[in-house]
Amino acid sequence: MSEKSTENRKRQVQGYKSEIKGLQFEQKVLSHFSQKGWRIELRKHIYDVGEIDIYGEKEDILGEKSFLLVECKDKDRVSNVEVMRFMKKVRVFYESLPEDLLLGEKPPITAVIAYTGVVDKDAEKVAPNFRPKIEFRRF
């Protein structure tokens, strides 16, 4: 085997390991939210929004729906740019929801960035003023 193909093979194996590690983290987060009563879908593609790592729905006793959007970051550092990308997805999703005819408001959304490392201070400063609220949960 040539030196170049050996390097390509190593990169490919590293890519697979990284993908498996990410999937394991997503499964851990998925399990956490499903135990809280959410009906969960992993890596759901939503029109105009893109892919959501974990998407969930829940109905209360009156049949009112709530939504869950989770971005999983199994890495050392979550950047401001990554948080802003997630905020854009949440905003587009939220704006696409119809208002309740009786209450005149949109259904509640729980938006979470699940992470393992640290979140940049700039990212934490951007999120508090955003509506719907973005929660940061370390796993």
Protein backbone atom coordinates (compact mmCIF):
# COMPACT_ATOMS: atom_id res chain seq x y z
CA MET A 1 0.00 0.00 0.00
CA SER A 2 1.36 3.45 -0.88
CA GLU A 3 2.07 6.10 1.73
CA LYS A 4 -0.72 8.31 0.36
CA SER A 5 -3.36 5.57 0.50
CA THR A 6 -2.26 4.67 4.04
CA GLU A 7 -2.80 8.32 5.09
CA ASN A 8 -6.21 8.37 3.39
CA ARG A 9 -7.15 5.16 5.17
CA LYS A 10 -6.11 6.62 8.56
CA ARG A 11 -8.22 9.75 7.93
CA GLN A 12 -11.17 7.60 6.91
CA VAL A 13 -10.92 5.47 10.06
CA GLN A 14 -10.61 8.62 12.22
CA GLY A 15 -13.71 10.02 10.52
CA TYR A 16 -15.67 6.85 11.32
CA LYS A 17 -14.52 6.95 14.95
CA SER A 18 -15.59 10.58 15.25
CA GLU A 19 -19.00 9.81 13.71
CA ILE A 20 -19.56 6.89 16.09
CA LYS A 21 -18.55 9.03 19.08
CA GLY A 22 -21.02 11.73 17.99
CA LEU A 23 -23.82 9.18 17.55
CA GLN A 24 -23.15 7.75 21.01
CA PHE A 25 -23.44 11.23 22.52
CA GLU A 26 -26.66 11.89 20.61
CA GLN A 27 -28.07 8.59 21.90
CA LYS A 28 -27.20 9.58 25.47
CA VAL A 29 -28.97 12.94 25.09
CA LEU A 30 -31.90 11.29 23.28
CA SER A 31 -32.32 8.83 26.15
CA HIS A 32 -32.34 11.70 28.67
CA PHE A 33 -35.17 13.52 26.91
CA SER A 34 -37.19 10.42 26.04
CA GLN A 35 -37.22 9.55 29.76
CA LYS A 36 -38.82 12.94 30.33
CA GLY A 37 -41.77 12.01 28.11
CA TRP A 38 -40.68 13.44 24.76
CA ARG A 39 -41.41 11.48 21.56
CA ILE A 40 -38.03 11.76 19.90
CA GLU A 41 -36.60 11.62 16.39
CA LEU A 42 -32.86 11.58 15.78
CA ARG A 43 -31.40 13.76 13.03
CA LYS A 44 -34.73 15.01 11.70
CA HIS A 45 -34.69 17.11 8.56
CA ILE A 46 -37.18 19.96 8.76
CA TYR A 47 -38.10 21.91 5.65
CA ASP A 48 -36.50 25.39 5.61
CA VAL A 49 -34.69 24.67 8.90
CA GLY A 50 -32.25 21.92 7.98
CA GLU A 51 -31.23 19.03 10.17
CA ILE A 52 -31.99 19.01 13.88
CA ASP A 53 -29.88 16.56 15.91
CA ILE A 54 -32.78 15.70 18.23
CA TYR A 55 -36.38 16.69 17.59
CA GLY A 56 -39.17 15.95 20.02
CA GLU A 57 -42.86 16.51 20.57
CA LYS A 58 -44.97 16.23 23.69
CA GLU A 59 -48.66 16.79 24.35
CA ASP A 60 -50.13 17.94 27.65
CA ILE A 61 -53.39 16.58 29.09
CA LEU A 62 -55.38 19.06 26.97
CA GLY A 63 -53.67 17.93 23.79
CA GLU A 64 -51.53 21.07 23.44
CA LYS A 65 -48.22 20.35 21.69
CA SER A 66 -44.76 21.39 22.83
CA PHE A 67 -41.64 21.03 20.73
CA LEU A 68 -38.04 20.11 21.54
CA LEU A 69 -35.04 21.09 19.41
CA VAL A 70 -31.60 19.92 20.55
CA GLU A 71 -28.20 20.61 19.04
CA CYS A 72 -25.58 18.11 20.26
CA LYS A 73 -21.96 19.21 20.55
CA ASP A 74 -19.61 16.45 21.70
CA LYS A 75 -16.47 18.53 21.50
CA ASP A 76 -14.05 20.53 23.63
CA ARG A 77 -15.50 23.94 22.77
CA VAL A 78 -18.83 25.28 21.47
CA SER A 79 -18.28 28.51 19.54
CA ASN A 80 -20.38 31.62 19.21
CA VAL A 81 -20.89 30.82 15.51
CA GLU A 82 -22.31 27.37 16.32
CA VAL A 83 -24.73 28.86 18.84
CA MET A 84 -25.87 31.51 16.35
CA ARG A 85 -26.44 28.83 13.67
CA PHE A 86 -28.65 26.91 16.11
CA MET A 87 -30.48 30.11 17.05
CA LYS A 88 -31.27 30.67 13.36
CA LYS A 89 -32.70 27.15 13.06
CA VAL A 90 -34.82 27.68 16.17
CA ARG A 91 -36.07 31.05 14.87
CA VAL A 92 -37.04 29.64 11.47
CA PHE A 93 -38.82 26.69 13.12
CA TYR A 94 -40.62 28.96 15.61
CA GLU A 95 -41.80 31.35 12.90
CA SER A 96 -43.19 28.43 10.88
CA LEU A 97 -45.48 27.36 13.74
CA PRO A 98 -49.11 28.51 13.61
CA GLU A 99 -50.55 30.49 16.50
CA ASP A 100 -53.18 28.87 18.69
CA LEU A 101 -56.53 30.29 17.61
CA LEU A 102 -57.87 30.66 21.15
CA LEU A 103 -54.73 31.81 22.95
CA GLY A 104 -53.20 33.82 20.11
CA GLU A 105 -49.71 32.48 20.81
CA LYS A 106 -47.37 29.89 19.39
CA PRO A 107 -46.79 26.52 21.08
CA PRO A 108 -43.87 26.31 23.51
CA ILE A 109 -40.42 25.30 22.31
CA THR A 110 -37.64 23.88 24.43
CA ALA A 111 -34.38 24.65 22.60
CA VAL A 112 -31.23 23.07 24.03
CA ILE A 113 -27.57 22.97 23.19
CA ALA A 114 -26.28 19.74 24.74
CA TYR A 115 -22.51 19.77 25.09
CA THR A 116 -19.57 17.99 26.71
CA GLY A 117 -16.81 20.62 26.78
CA VAL A 118 -17.20 24.34 27.38
CA VAL A 119 -19.27 27.09 25.76
CA ASP A 120 -17.50 30.28 24.66
CA LYS A 121 -18.36 33.26 26.87
CA ASP A 122 -19.46 35.23 23.78
CA ALA A 123 -21.93 32.47 22.93
CA GLU A 124 -23.41 32.56 26.42
CA LYS A 125 -23.85 36.34 26.12
CA VAL A 126 -25.78 36.15 22.82
CA ALA A 127 -28.32 33.53 23.86
CA PRO A 128 -30.03 35.06 26.96
CA ASN A 129 -31.88 37.74 24.97
CA PHE A 130 -33.06 35.30 22.31
CA ARG A 131 -36.67 34.11 22.25
CA PRO A 132 -37.53 31.28 22.42
CA LYS A 133 -34.95 30.78 25.12
CA ILE A 134 -31.86 28.66 24.41
CA GLU A 135 -30.76 26.40 27.27
CA PHE A 136 -27.24 25.09 27.68
CA ARG A 137 -26.97 21.63 29.27
CA ARG A 138 -23.71 19.89 29.91
CA PHE A 139 -23.78 16.09 29.66
